[in-house]
């Protein structure tokens, strides 16, 4: 089974670091710096997990998570929200995400959190 991770963050350095971490661990990683094509990318790439930054410029990553979890075709996909604004996350409540990781993150911790959600995607060969 291929392990597929979609990462959404407007910080290209974070995208590079996360891509490197997970590709070195055998994942196929796709990165988006904006959210314009999120659902197109999800439908095409069929990720096992989506990792989303909370602060995406003018967009709220938690709202994107809510849209993913509100869509019958994507609600099964685990969403991990990550952010440097740890206290803000506690105040806003849960938009349906499966886990939260604070930034800066520990490499082994992010690998463990994302890894626990890896399971076959419907239609993906095991």
PDB file of N, CA and C in Angstrom:
ATOM      1  N   UNK A   1       0.834  -1.186   0.000  1.00  0.00           N
ATOM      2  CA  UNK A   1       0.000   0.000   0.000  1.00  0.00           C
ATOM      3  C   UNK A   1       0.877   1.247   0.000  1.00  0.00           C
ATOM      4  N   UNK A   2       0.555   2.152  -0.902  1.00  0.00           N
ATOM      5  CA  UNK A   2       1.246   3.429  -0.940  1.00  0.00           C
ATOM      6  C   UNK A   2       0.751   4.306   0.198  1.00  0.00           C
ATOM      7  N   UNK A   3       1.668   4.999   0.850  1.00  0.00           N
ATOM      8  CA  UNK A   3       1.304   5.947   1.904  1.00  0.00           C
ATOM      9  C   UNK A   3       1.327   7.329   1.255  1.00  0.00           C
ATOM     10  N   UNK A   4       0.149   7.970   1.177  1.00  0.00           N
ATOM     11  CA  UNK A   4       0.036   9.253   0.489  1.00  0.00           C
ATOM     12  C   UNK A   4      -0.372  10.350   1.457  1.00  0.00           C
ATOM     13  N   UNK A   5       0.405  11.424   1.440  1.00  0.00           N
ATOM     14  CA  UNK A   5       0.196  12.551   2.337  1.00  0.00           C
ATOM     15  C   UNK A   5       0.054  13.826   1.523  1.00  0.00           C
ATOM     16  N   UNK A   6      -1.031  14.557   1.754  1.00  0.00           N
ATOM     17  CA  UNK A   6      -1.219  15.883   1.162  1.00  0.00           C
ATOM     18  C   UNK A   6      -0.928  16.904   2.249  1.00  0.00           C
ATOM     19  N   UNK A   7       0.002  17.826   1.969  1.00  0.00           N
ATOM     20  CA  UNK A   7       0.398  18.855   2.932  1.00  0.00           C
ATOM     21  C   UNK A   7      -0.007  20.211   2.374  1.00  0.00           C
ATOM     22  N   UNK A   8      -0.696  20.994   3.203  1.00  0.00           N
ATOM     23  CA  UNK A   8      -1.143  22.323   2.795  1.00  0.00           C
ATOM     24  C   UNK A   8      -0.587  23.339   3.778  1.00  0.00           C
ATOM     25  N   UNK A   9       0.305  24.196   3.285  1.00  0.00           N
ATOM     26  CA  UNK A   9       0.928  25.227   4.105  1.00  0.00           C
ATOM     27  C   UNK A   9       1.409  26.322   3.173  1.00  0.00           C
ATOM     28  N   UNK A  10       1.249  27.578   3.550  1.00  0.00           N
ATOM     29  CA  UNK A  10       1.700  28.666   2.692  1.00  0.00           C
ATOM     30  C   UNK A  10       3.181  28.999   2.894  1.00  0.00           C
ATOM     31  N   UNK A  11       3.842  28.300   3.800  1.00  0.00           N
ATOM     32  CA  UNK A  11       5.279  28.484   4.039  1.00  0.00           C
ATOM     33  C   UNK A  11       6.044  27.420   3.247  1.00  0.00           C
ATOM     34  N   UNK A  12       6.705  27.846   2.193  1.00  0.00           N
ATOM     35  CA  UNK A  12       7.403  26.901   1.312  1.00  0.00           C
ATOM     36  C   UNK A  12       8.524  26.155   2.035  1.00  0.00           C
ATOM     37  N   UNK A  13       9.133  26.774   3.047  1.00  0.00           N
ATOM     38  CA  UNK A  13      10.166  26.086   3.823  1.00  0.00           C
ATOM     39  C   UNK A  13       9.572  24.922   4.619  1.00  0.00           C
ATOM     40  N   UNK A  14       8.407  25.144   5.206  1.00  0.00           N
ATOM     41  CA  UNK A  14       7.730  24.064   5.935  1.00  0.00           C
ATOM     42  C   UNK A  14       7.356  22.948   4.965  1.00  0.00           C
ATOM     43  N   UNK A  15       6.836  23.306   3.796  1.00  0.00           N
ATOM     44  CA  UNK A  15       6.494  22.286   2.799  1.00  0.00           C
ATOM     45  C   UNK A  15       7.715  21.446   2.438  1.00  0.00           C
ATOM     46  N   UNK A  16       8.852  22.100   2.249  1.00  0.00           N
ATOM     47  CA  UNK A  16      10.077  21.386   1.898  1.00  0.00           C
ATOM     48  C   UNK A  16      10.483  20.425   3.027  1.00  0.00           C
ATOM     49  N   UNK A  17      10.461  20.915   4.261  1.00  0.00           N
ATOM     50  CA  UNK A  17      10.873  20.091   5.401  1.00  0.00           C
ATOM     51  C   UNK A  17       9.933  18.892   5.564  1.00  0.00           C
ATOM     52  N   UNK A  18       8.635  19.137   5.525  1.00  0.00           N
ATOM     53  CA  UNK A  18       7.665  18.045   5.706  1.00  0.00           C
ATOM     54  C   UNK A  18       7.780  17.045   4.564  1.00  0.00           C
ATOM     55  N   UNK A  19       7.908  17.535   3.331  1.00  0.00           N
ATOM     56  CA  UNK A  19       8.080  16.632   2.187  1.00  0.00           C
ATOM     57  C   UNK A  19       9.301  15.742   2.387  1.00  0.00           C
ATOM     58  N   UNK A  20      10.412  16.335   2.779  1.00  0.00           N
ATOM     59  CA  UNK A  20      11.652  15.584   2.977  1.00  0.00           C
ATOM     60  C   UNK A  20      11.492  14.532   4.069  1.00  0.00           C
ATOM     61  N   UNK A  21      10.905  14.921   5.194  1.00  0.00           N
ATOM     62  CA  UNK A  21      10.701  13.990   6.315  1.00  0.00           C
ATOM     63  C   UNK A  21       9.914  12.763   5.853  1.00  0.00           C
ATOM     64  N   UNK A  22       8.798  13.006   5.192  1.00  0.00           N
ATOM     65  CA  UNK A  22       7.921  11.900   4.846  1.00  0.00           C
ATOM     66  C   UNK A  22       8.371  11.126   3.617  1.00  0.00           C
ATOM     67  N   UNK A  23       8.964  11.784   2.652  1.00  0.00           N
ATOM     68  CA  UNK A  23       9.493  11.030   1.504  1.00  0.00           C
ATOM     69  C   UNK A  23      10.628  10.113   1.948  1.00  0.00           C
ATOM     70  N   UNK A  24      11.449  10.576   2.883  1.00  0.00           N
ATOM     71  CA  UNK A  24      12.509   9.725   3.426  1.00  0.00           C
ATOM     72  C   UNK A  24      11.935   8.526   4.171  1.00  0.00           C
ATOM     73  N   UNK A  25      10.684   8.625   4.575  1.00  0.00           N
ATOM     74  CA  UNK A  25      10.005   7.549   5.298  1.00  0.00           C
ATOM     75  C   UNK A  25       9.117   6.706   4.370  1.00  0.00           C
ATOM     76  N   UNK A  26       9.244   6.913   3.047  1.00  0.00           N
ATOM     77  CA  UNK A  26       8.528   6.085   2.080  1.00  0.00           C
ATOM     78  C   UNK A  26       7.173   6.588   1.641  1.00  0.00           C
ATOM     79  N   UNK A  27       6.799   7.794   2.028  1.00  0.00           N
ATOM     80  CA  UNK A  27       5.523   8.368   1.621  1.00  0.00           C
ATOM     81  C   UNK A  27       5.624   8.985   0.231  1.00  0.00           C
ATOM     82  N   UNK A  28       4.485   9.041  -0.443  1.00  0.00           N
ATOM     83  CA  UNK A  28       4.333   9.877  -1.625  1.00  0.00           C
ATOM     84  C   UNK A  28       3.673  11.145  -1.106  1.00  0.00           C
ATOM     85  N   UNK A  29       4.320  12.290  -1.324  1.00  0.00           N
ATOM     86  CA  UNK A  29       3.863  13.543  -0.728  1.00  0.00           C
ATOM     87  C   UNK A  29       3.531  14.545  -1.825  1.00  0.00           C
ATOM     88  N   UNK A  30       2.388  15.172  -1.685  1.00  0.00           N
ATOM     89  CA  UNK A  30       2.011  16.300  -2.536  1.00  0.00           C
ATOM     90  C   UNK A  30       1.869  17.501  -1.627  1.00  0.00           C
ATOM     91  N   UNK A  31       2.315  18.651  -2.121  1.00  0.00           N
ATOM     92  CA  UNK A  31       2.272  19.876  -1.332  1.00  0.00           C
ATOM     93  C   UNK A  31       1.491  20.956  -2.067  1.00  0.00           C
ATOM     94  N   UNK A  32       0.682  21.689  -1.323  1.00  0.00           N
ATOM     95  CA  UNK A  32      -0.031  22.843  -1.848  1.00  0.00           C
ATOM     96  C   UNK A  32       0.309  24.053  -0.999  1.00  0.00           C
ATOM     97  N   UNK A  33       0.630  25.168  -1.664  1.00  0.00           N
ATOM     98  CA  UNK A  33       0.922  26.412  -0.957  1.00  0.00           C
ATOM     99  C   UNK A  33      -0.322  27.289  -0.824  1.00  0.00           C
ATOM    100  N   UNK A  34      -1.403  26.936  -1.522  1.00  0.00           N
ATOM    101  CA  UNK A  34      -2.666  27.657  -1.378  1.00  0.00           C
ATOM    102  C   UNK A  34      -3.798  26.642  -1.446  1.00  0.00           C
ATOM    103  N   UNK A  35      -5.002  27.109  -1.207  1.00  0.00           N
ATOM    104  CA  UNK A  35      -6.131  26.182  -1.084  1.00  0.00           C
ATOM    105  C   UNK A  35      -7.087  26.227  -2.273  1.00  0.00           C
ATOM    106  N   UNK A  36      -6.705  26.900  -3.341  1.00  0.00           N
ATOM    107  CA  UNK A  36      -7.598  27.039  -4.488  1.00  0.00           C
ATOM    108  C   UNK A  36      -8.032  25.701  -5.077  1.00  0.00           C
ATOM    109  N   UNK A  37      -7.134  24.726  -5.100  1.00  0.00           N
ATOM    110  CA  UNK A  37      -7.421  23.447  -5.746  1.00  0.00           C
ATOM    111  C   UNK A  37      -7.439  22.276  -4.761  1.00  0.00           C
ATOM    112  N   UNK A  38      -7.803  22.528  -3.516  1.00  0.00           N
ATOM    113  CA  UNK A  38      -7.746  21.482  -2.501  1.00  0.00           C
ATOM    114  C   UNK A  38      -8.578  20.264  -2.895  1.00  0.00           C
ATOM    115  N   UNK A  39      -9.827  20.469  -3.249  1.00  0.00           N
ATOM    116  CA  UNK A  39     -10.685  19.317  -3.529  1.00  0.00           C
ATOM    117  C   UNK A  39     -10.317  18.635  -4.836  1.00  0.00           C
ATOM    118  N   UNK A  40      -9.856  19.394  -5.805  1.00  0.00           N
ATOM    119  CA  UNK A  40      -9.355  18.782  -7.041  1.00  0.00           C
ATOM    120  C   UNK A  40      -8.166  17.892  -6.716  1.00  0.00           C
ATOM    121  N   UNK A  41      -7.267  18.395  -5.900  1.00  0.00           N
ATOM    122  CA  UNK A  41      -6.069  17.630  -5.530  1.00  0.00           C
ATOM    123  C   UNK A  41      -6.437  16.399  -4.704  1.00  0.00           C
ATOM    124  N   UNK A  42      -7.342  16.556  -3.767  1.00  0.00           N
ATOM    125  CA  UNK A  42      -7.765  15.410  -2.951  1.00  0.00           C
ATOM    126  C   UNK A  42      -8.390  14.334  -3.835  1.00  0.00           C
ATOM    127  N   UNK A  43      -9.275  14.737  -4.726  1.00  0.00           N
ATOM    128  CA  UNK A  43      -9.938  13.768  -5.599  1.00  0.00           C
ATOM    129  C   UNK A  43      -8.975  13.093  -6.561  1.00  0.00           C
ATOM    130  N   UNK A  44      -7.968  13.807  -7.011  1.00  0.00           N
ATOM    131  CA  UNK A  44      -6.997  13.243  -7.945  1.00  0.00           C
ATOM    132  C   UNK A  44      -5.946  12.393  -7.225  1.00  0.00           C
ATOM    133  N   UNK A  45      -5.395  12.918  -6.145  1.00  0.00           N
ATOM    134  CA  UNK A  45      -4.283  12.274  -5.437  1.00  0.00           C
ATOM    135  C   UNK A  45      -4.738  11.178  -4.480  1.00  0.00           C
ATOM    136  N   UNK A  46      -5.931  11.331  -3.906  1.00  0.00           N
ATOM    137  CA  UNK A  46      -6.490  10.367  -2.955  1.00  0.00           C
ATOM    138  C   UNK A  46      -5.548  10.106  -1.777  1.00  0.00           C
ATOM    139  N   UNK A  47      -5.280  11.141  -0.973  1.00  0.00           N
ATOM    140  CA  UNK A  47      -4.341  10.980   0.141  1.00  0.00           C
ATOM    141  C   UNK A  47      -4.906  10.108   1.252  1.00  0.00           C
ATOM    142  N   UNK A  48      -3.990   9.461   1.979  1.00  0.00           N
ATOM    143  CA  UNK A  48      -4.375   8.734   3.183  1.00  0.00           C
ATOM    144  C   UNK A  48      -4.614   9.703   4.336  1.00  0.00           C
ATOM    145  N   UNK A  49      -3.859  10.816   4.327  1.00  0.00           N
ATOM    146  CA  UNK A  49      -3.919  11.820   5.382  1.00  0.00           C
ATOM    147  C   UNK A  49      -3.707  13.192   4.747  1.00  0.00           C
ATOM    148  N   UNK A  50      -4.394  14.205   5.291  1.00  0.00           N
ATOM    149  CA  UNK A  50      -4.168  15.594   4.897  1.00  0.00           C
ATOM    150  C   UNK A  50      -3.618  16.327   6.112  1.00  0.00           C
ATOM    151  N   UNK A  51      -2.498  17.011   5.923  1.00  0.00           N
ATOM    152  CA  UNK A  51      -1.854  17.807   6.964  1.00  0.00           C
ATOM    153  C   UNK A  51      -2.025  19.272   6.565  1.00  0.00           C
ATOM    154  N   UNK A  52      -2.712  20.046   7.395  1.00  0.00           N
ATOM    155  CA  UNK A  52      -3.060  21.431   7.049  1.00  0.00           C
ATOM    156  C   UNK A  52      -2.577  22.396   8.120  1.00  0.00           C
ATOM    157  N   UNK A  53      -1.933  23.476   7.678  1.00  0.00           N
ATOM    158  CA  UNK A  53      -1.571  24.556   8.585  1.00  0.00           C
ATOM    159  C   UNK A  53      -2.825  25.355   8.930  1.00  0.00           C
ATOM    160  N   UNK A  54      -2.913  25.803  10.165  1.00  0.00           N
ATOM    161  CA  UNK A  54      -4.072  26.584  10.601  1.00  0.00           C
ATOM    162  C   UNK A  54      -4.110  27.957   9.935  1.00  0.00           C
ATOM    163  N   UNK A  55      -2.962  28.621   9.847  1.00  0.00           N
ATOM    164  CA  UNK A  55      -2.894  29.966   9.267  1.00  0.00           C
ATOM    165  C   UNK A  55      -2.353  29.870   7.844  1.00  0.00           C
ATOM    166  N   UNK A  56      -3.232  30.034   6.869  1.00  0.00           N
ATOM    167  CA  UNK A  56      -2.867  29.970   5.456  1.00  0.00           C
ATOM    168  C   UNK A  56      -3.090  31.335   4.824  1.00  0.00           C
ATOM    169  N   UNK A  57      -2.284  32.317   5.215  1.00  0.00           N
ATOM    170  CA  UNK A  57      -2.493  33.667   4.706  1.00  0.00           C
ATOM    171  C   UNK A  57      -3.842  34.177   5.184  1.00  0.00           C
ATOM    172  N   UNK A  58      -4.728  34.449   4.238  1.00  0.00           N
ATOM    173  CA  UNK A  58      -6.058  34.953   4.588  1.00  0.00           C
ATOM    174  C   UNK A  58      -7.071  33.841   4.813  1.00  0.00           C
ATOM    175  N   UNK A  59      -6.641  32.597   4.635  1.00  0.00           N
ATOM    176  CA  UNK A  59      -7.529  31.452   4.778  1.00  0.00           C
ATOM    177  C   UNK A  59      -7.276  30.753   6.102  1.00  0.00           C
ATOM    178  N   UNK A  60      -8.337  30.246   6.684  1.00  0.00           N
ATOM    179  CA  UNK A  60      -8.260  29.514   7.936  1.00  0.00           C
ATOM    180  C   UNK A  60      -8.210  28.017   7.601  1.00  0.00           C
ATOM    181  N   UNK A  61      -7.115  27.352   7.947  1.00  0.00           N
ATOM    182  CA  UNK A  61      -6.974  25.925   7.686  1.00  0.00           C
ATOM    183  C   UNK A  61      -8.031  25.085   8.373  1.00  0.00           C
ATOM    184  N   UNK A  62      -8.536  25.562   9.506  1.00  0.00           N
ATOM    185  CA  UNK A  62      -9.595  24.826  10.203  1.00  0.00           C
ATOM    186  C   UNK A  62     -10.876  24.819   9.368  1.00  0.00           C
ATOM    187  N   UNK A  63     -11.138  25.893   8.647  1.00  0.00           N
ATOM    188  CA  UNK A  63     -12.305  25.932   7.761  1.00  0.00           C
ATOM    189  C   UNK A  63     -12.156  24.934   6.614  1.00  0.00           C
ATOM    190  N   UNK A  64     -10.948  24.799   6.077  1.00  0.00           N
ATOM    191  CA  UNK A  64     -10.694  23.809   5.033  1.00  0.00           C
ATOM    192  C   UNK A  64     -10.929  22.411   5.604  1.00  0.00           C
ATOM    193  N   UNK A  65     -10.456  22.182   6.811  1.00  0.00           N
ATOM    194  CA  UNK A  65     -10.694  20.908   7.483  1.00  0.00           C
ATOM    195  C   UNK A  65     -12.190  20.651   7.602  1.00  0.00           C
ATOM    196  N   UNK A  66     -12.937  21.652   8.022  1.00  0.00           N
ATOM    197  CA  UNK A  66     -14.388  21.510   8.173  1.00  0.00           C
ATOM    198  C   UNK A  66     -15.040  21.147   6.836  1.00  0.00           C
ATOM    199  N   UNK A  67     -14.586  21.780   5.754  1.00  0.00           N
ATOM    200  CA  UNK A  67     -15.128  21.476   4.427  1.00  0.00           C
ATOM    201  C   UNK A  67     -14.823  20.032   4.033  1.00  0.00           C
ATOM    202  N   UNK A  68     -13.614  19.582   4.332  1.00  0.00           N
ATOM    203  CA  UNK A  68     -13.241  18.190   4.034  1.00  0.00           C
ATOM    204  C   UNK A  68     -14.135  17.242   4.825  1.00  0.00           C
ATOM    205  N   UNK A  69     -14.324  17.522   6.093  1.00  0.00           N
ATOM    206  CA  UNK A  69     -15.110  16.649   6.962  1.00  0.00           C
ATOM    207  C   UNK A  69     -16.613  16.767   6.718  1.00  0.00           C
ATOM    208  N   UNK A  70     -17.059  17.805   6.020  1.00  0.00           N
ATOM    209  CA  UNK A  70     -18.477  17.986   5.712  1.00  0.00           C
ATOM    210  C   UNK A  70     -18.858  17.417   4.350  1.00  0.00           C
ATOM    211  N   UNK A  71     -17.888  16.971   3.591  1.00  0.00           N
ATOM    212  CA  UNK A  71     -18.118  16.456   2.244  1.00  0.00           C
ATOM    213  C   UNK A  71     -18.179  14.932   2.301  1.00  0.00           C
ATOM    214  N   UNK A  72     -19.271  14.351   1.817  1.00  0.00           N
ATOM    215  CA  UNK A  72     -19.445  12.897   1.887  1.00  0.00           C
ATOM    216  C   UNK A  72     -18.318  12.142   1.185  1.00  0.00           C
ATOM    217  N   UNK A  73     -17.726  12.726   0.163  1.00  0.00           N
ATOM    218  CA  UNK A  73     -16.659  12.059  -0.572  1.00  0.00           C
ATOM    219  C   UNK A  73     -15.296  12.135   0.087  1.00  0.00           C
ATOM    220  N   UNK A  74     -15.147  13.024   1.092  1.00  0.00           N
ATOM    221  CA  UNK A  74     -13.827  13.200   1.708  1.00  0.00           C
ATOM    222  C   UNK A  74     -13.835  13.068   3.230  1.00  0.00           C
ATOM    223  N   UNK A  75     -14.990  12.920   3.836  1.00  0.00           N
ATOM    224  CA  UNK A  75     -15.049  12.917   5.308  1.00  0.00           C
ATOM    225  C   UNK A  75     -14.269  11.775   5.939  1.00  0.00           C
ATOM    226  N   UNK A  76     -13.989  10.711   5.181  1.00  0.00           N
ATOM    227  CA  UNK A  76     -13.235   9.569   5.706  1.00  0.00           C
ATOM    228  C   UNK A  76     -11.737   9.846   5.831  1.00  0.00           C
ATOM    229  N   UNK A  77     -11.255  10.922   5.217  1.00  0.00           N
ATOM    230  CA  UNK A  77      -9.812  11.211   5.208  1.00  0.00           C
ATOM    231  C   UNK A  77      -9.419  11.872   6.525  1.00  0.00           C
ATOM    232  N   UNK A  78      -8.463  11.279   7.243  1.00  0.00           N
ATOM    233  CA  UNK A  78      -7.982  11.922   8.467  1.00  0.00           C
ATOM    234  C   UNK A  78      -7.294  13.249   8.149  1.00  0.00           C
ATOM    235  N   UNK A  79      -7.586  14.248   8.973  1.00  0.00           N
ATOM    236  CA  UNK A  79      -6.984  15.569   8.828  1.00  0.00           C
ATOM    237  C   UNK A  79      -6.205  15.878  10.096  1.00  0.00           C
ATOM    238  N   UNK A  80      -4.940  16.230   9.904  1.00  0.00           N
ATOM    239  CA  UNK A  80      -4.088  16.663  11.009  1.00  0.00           C
ATOM    240  C   UNK A  80      -3.841  18.147  10.809  1.00  0.00           C
ATOM    241  N   UNK A  81      -4.233  18.940  11.781  1.00  0.00           N
ATOM    242  CA  UNK A  81      -4.029  20.382  11.735  1.00  0.00           C
ATOM    243  C   UNK A  81      -2.741  20.688  12.482  1.00  0.00           C
ATOM    244  N   UNK A  82      -1.921  21.592  11.928  1.00  0.00           N
ATOM    245  CA  UNK A  82      -0.736  21.994  12.663  1.00  0.00           C
ATOM    246  C   UNK A  82      -0.583  23.502  12.609  1.00  0.00           C
ATOM    247  N   UNK A  83       0.026  24.053  13.678  1.00  0.00           N
ATOM    248  CA  UNK A  83       0.109  25.501  13.775  1.00  0.00           C
ATOM    249  C   UNK A  83       1.099  25.928  14.848  1.00  0.00           C
ATOM    250  N   UNK A  84       1.659  27.105  14.640  1.00  0.00           N
ATOM    251  CA  UNK A  84       2.492  27.732  15.667  1.00  0.00           C
ATOM    252  C   UNK A  84       1.622  28.469  16.683  1.00  0.00           C
ATOM    253  N   UNK A  85       0.338  28.599  16.395  1.00  0.00           N
ATOM    254  CA  UNK A  85      -0.599  29.320  17.265  1.00  0.00           C
ATOM    255  C   UNK A  85      -1.363  28.333  18.135  1.00  0.00           C
ATOM    256  N   UNK A  86      -0.636  27.652  18.997  1.00  0.00           N
ATOM    257  CA  UNK A  86      -1.214  26.579  19.806  1.00  0.00           C
ATOM    258  C   UNK A  86      -2.358  27.047  20.697  1.00  0.00           C
ATOM    259  N   UNK A  87      -2.238  28.190  21.311  1.00  0.00           N
ATOM    260  CA  UNK A  87      -3.278  28.677  22.228  1.00  0.00           C
ATOM    261  C   UNK A  87      -4.539  29.077  21.476  1.00  0.00           C
ATOM    262  N   UNK A  88      -4.403  29.602  20.276  1.00  0.00           N
ATOM    263  CA  UNK A  88      -5.570  29.978  19.484  1.00  0.00           C
ATOM    264  C   UNK A  88      -6.390  28.741  19.139  1.00  0.00           C
ATOM    265  N   UNK A  89      -5.727  27.654  18.855  1.00  0.00           N
ATOM    266  CA  UNK A  89      -6.420  26.418  18.506  1.00  0.00           C
ATOM    267  C   UNK A  89      -7.292  25.960  19.671  1.00  0.00           C
ATOM    268  N   UNK A  90      -6.767  26.068  20.888  1.00  0.00           N
ATOM    269  CA  UNK A  90      -7.542  25.659  22.056  1.00  0.00           C
ATOM    270  C   UNK A  90      -8.812  26.500  22.196  1.00  0.00           C
ATOM    271  N   UNK A  91      -8.749  27.755  21.778  1.00  0.00           N
ATOM    272  CA  UNK A  91      -9.879  28.662  21.953  1.00  0.00           C
ATOM    273  C   UNK A  91     -10.960  28.485  20.888  1.00  0.00           C
ATOM    274  N   UNK A  92     -10.591  28.068  19.668  1.00  0.00           N
ATOM    275  CA  UNK A  92     -11.586  28.049  18.594  1.00  0.00           C
ATOM    276  C   UNK A  92     -12.421  26.782  18.532  1.00  0.00           C
ATOM    277  N   UNK A  93     -11.975  25.739  19.165  1.00  0.00           N
ATOM    278  CA  UNK A  93     -12.720  24.488  19.107  1.00  0.00           C
ATOM    279  C   UNK A  93     -12.279  23.611  17.955  1.00  0.00           C
ATOM    280  N   UNK A  94     -12.911  22.463  17.821  1.00  0.00           N
ATOM    281  CA  UNK A  94     -12.512  21.467  16.832  1.00  0.00           C
ATOM    282  C   UNK A  94     -13.401  21.552  15.600  1.00  0.00           C
ATOM    283  N   UNK A  95     -12.802  21.652  14.452  1.00  0.00           N
ATOM    284  CA  UNK A  95     -13.514  21.699  13.182  1.00  0.00           C
ATOM    285  C   UNK A  95     -13.563  20.326  12.531  1.00  0.00           C
ATOM    286  N   UNK A  96     -13.354  19.291  13.309  1.00  0.00           N
ATOM    287  CA  UNK A  96     -13.414  17.933  12.797  1.00  0.00           C
ATOM    288  C   UNK A  96     -12.060  17.297  12.573  1.00  0.00           C
ATOM    289  N   UNK A  97     -10.975  18.010  12.895  1.00  0.00           N
ATOM    290  CA  UNK A  97      -9.668  17.417  12.675  1.00  0.00           C
ATOM    291  C   UNK A  97      -9.474  16.212  13.571  1.00  0.00           C
ATOM    292  N   UNK A  98      -8.599  15.316  13.131  1.00  0.00           N
ATOM    293  CA  UNK A  98      -8.343  14.089  13.870  1.00  0.00           C
ATOM    294  C   UNK A  98      -7.205  14.236  14.872  1.00  0.00           C
ATOM    295  N   UNK A  99      -6.308  15.185  14.612  1.00  0.00           N
ATOM    296  CA  UNK A  99      -5.188  15.417  15.528  1.00  0.00           C
ATOM    297  C   UNK A  99      -4.660  16.825  15.297  1.00  0.00           C
ATOM    298  N   UNK A 100      -3.949  17.328  16.298  1.00  0.00           N
ATOM    299  CA  UNK A 100      -3.319  18.638  16.201  1.00  0.00           C
ATOM    300  C   UNK A 100      -1.854  18.509  16.590  1.00  0.00           C
ATOM    301  N   UNK A 101      -0.980  19.189  15.845  1.00  0.00           N
ATOM    302  CA  UNK A 101       0.453  19.213  16.136  1.00  0.00           C
ATOM    303  C   UNK A 101       0.886  20.674  16.212  1.00  0.00           C
ATOM    304  N   UNK A 102       1.562  21.026  17.283  1.00  0.00           N
ATOM    305  CA  UNK A 102       2.073  22.377  17.415  1.00  0.00           C
ATOM    306  C   UNK A 102       3.396  22.539  16.677  1.00  0.00           C
ATOM    307  N   UNK A 103       3.636  23.758  16.208  1.00  0.00           N
ATOM    308  CA  UNK A 103       4.915  24.115  15.598  1.00  0.00           C
ATOM    309  C   UNK A 103       5.682  24.947  16.614  1.00  0.00           C
ATOM    310  N   UNK A 104       6.965  24.819  16.679  1.00  0.00           N
ATOM    311  CA  UNK A 104       7.774  23.874  15.906  1.00  0.00           C
ATOM    312  C   UNK A 104       7.474  22.449  16.363  1.00  0.00           C
ATOM    313  N   UNK A 105       7.594  21.524  15.446  1.00  0.00           N
ATOM    314  CA  UNK A 105       7.255  20.145  15.751  1.00  0.00           C
ATOM    315  C   UNK A 105       8.507  19.286  15.824  1.00  0.00           C
ATOM    316  N   UNK A 106       8.405  18.232  16.603  1.00  0.00           N
ATOM    317  CA  UNK A 106       9.441  17.222  16.699  1.00  0.00           C
ATOM    318  C   UNK A 106       9.239  16.248  15.536  1.00  0.00           C
ATOM    319  N   UNK A 107      10.288  15.941  14.808  1.00  0.00           N
ATOM    320  CA  UNK A 107      10.188  15.085  13.626  1.00  0.00           C
ATOM    321  C   UNK A 107       9.578  13.733  13.961  1.00  0.00           C
ATOM    322  N   UNK A 108      10.050  13.092  15.004  1.00  0.00           N
ATOM    323  CA  UNK A 108       9.514  11.769  15.353  1.00  0.00           C
ATOM    324  C   UNK A 108       8.045  11.854  15.760  1.00  0.00           C
ATOM    325  N   UNK A 109       7.679  12.942  16.423  1.00  0.00           N
ATOM    326  CA  UNK A 109       6.285  13.115  16.843  1.00  0.00           C
ATOM    327  C   UNK A 109       5.369  13.270  15.629  1.00  0.00           C
ATOM    328  N   UNK A 110       5.727  14.117  14.680  1.00  0.00           N
ATOM    329  CA  UNK A 110       4.870  14.318  13.505  1.00  0.00           C
ATOM    330  C   UNK A 110       4.761  13.023  12.701  1.00  0.00           C
ATOM    331  N   UNK A 111       5.846  12.257  12.620  1.00  0.00           N
ATOM    332  CA  UNK A 111       5.803  10.972  11.916  1.00  0.00           C
ATOM    333  C   UNK A 111       4.865   9.989  12.620  1.00  0.00           C
ATOM    334  N   UNK A 112       4.902   9.966  13.952  1.00  0.00           N
ATOM    335  CA  UNK A 112       4.011   9.073  14.715  1.00  0.00           C
ATOM    336  C   UNK A 112       2.549   9.466  14.542  1.00  0.00           C
ATOM    337  N   UNK A 113       2.266  10.756  14.649  1.00  0.00           N
ATOM    338  CA  UNK A 113       0.880  11.221  14.567  1.00  0.00           C
ATOM    339  C   UNK A 113       0.304  10.934  13.186  1.00  0.00           C
ATOM    340  N   UNK A 114       1.009  11.322  12.139  1.00  0.00           N
ATOM    341  CA  UNK A 114       0.515  11.069  10.783  1.00  0.00           C
ATOM    342  C   UNK A 114       0.437   9.567  10.516  1.00  0.00           C
ATOM    343  N   UNK A 115       1.445   8.825  10.949  1.00  0.00           N
ATOM    344  CA  UNK A 115       1.501   7.389  10.694  1.00  0.00           C
ATOM    345  C   UNK A 115       0.361   6.598  11.291  1.00  0.00           C
ATOM    346  N   UNK A 116      -0.185   7.064  12.402  1.00  0.00           N
ATOM    347  CA  UNK A 116      -1.270   6.298  13.020  1.00  0.00           C
ATOM    348  C   UNK A 116      -2.572   6.378  12.229  1.00  0.00           C
ATOM    349  N   UNK A 117      -2.640   7.288  11.264  1.00  0.00           N
ATOM    350  CA  UNK A 117      -3.841   7.408  10.437  1.00  0.00           C
ATOM    351  C   UNK A 117      -3.692   6.749   9.063  1.00  0.00           C
ATOM    352  N   UNK A 118      -2.558   6.128   8.806  1.00  0.00           N
ATOM    353  CA  UNK A 118      -2.354   5.501   7.498  1.00  0.00           C
ATOM    354  C   UNK A 118      -3.136   4.200   7.432  1.00  0.00           C
ATOM    355  N   UNK A 119      -4.053   4.161   6.475  1.00  0.00           N
ATOM    356  CA  UNK A 119      -4.829   2.968   6.183  1.00  0.00           C
ATOM    357  C   UNK A 119      -5.237   3.075   4.719  1.00  0.00           C
ATOM    358  N   UNK A 120      -5.607   1.981   4.106  1.00  0.00           N
ATOM    359  CA  UNK A 120      -5.952   2.052   2.682  1.00  0.00           C
ATOM    360  C   UNK A 120      -7.086   3.030   2.401  1.00  0.00           C
ATOM    361  N   UNK A 121      -6.923   3.761   1.321  1.00  0.00           N
ATOM    362  CA  UNK A 121      -7.964   4.662   0.845  1.00  0.00           C
ATOM    363  C   UNK A 121      -8.925   3.842  -0.007  1.00  0.00           C
ATOM    364  N   UNK A 122     -10.236   4.075   0.097  1.00  0.00           N
ATOM    365  CA  UNK A 122     -11.164   3.325  -0.765  1.00  0.00           C
ATOM    366  C   UNK A 122     -10.723   3.400  -2.220  1.00  0.00           C
ATOM    367  N   UNK A 123     -10.611   2.251  -2.850  1.00  0.00           N
ATOM    368  CA  UNK A 123     -10.180   2.186  -4.239  1.00  0.00           C
ATOM    369  C   UNK A 123      -8.683   2.037  -4.411  1.00  0.00           C
ATOM    370  N   UNK A 124      -7.919   2.149  -3.320  1.00  0.00           N
ATOM    371  CA  UNK A 124      -6.468   1.993  -3.377  1.00  0.00           C
ATOM    372  C   UNK A 124      -6.124   0.538  -3.061  1.00  0.00           C
ATOM    373  N   UNK A 125      -5.222  -0.021  -3.819  1.00  0.00           N
ATOM    374  CA  UNK A 125      -4.804  -1.399  -3.582  1.00  0.00           C
ATOM    375  C   UNK A 125      -3.996  -1.482  -2.299  1.00  0.00           C
ATOM    376  N   UNK A 126      -4.276  -2.492  -1.494  1.00  0.00           N
ATOM    377  CA  UNK A 126      -3.558  -2.675  -0.230  1.00  0.00           C
ATOM    378  C   UNK A 126      -2.230  -3.358  -0.471  1.00  0.00           C
TER     379      UNK A 126
END
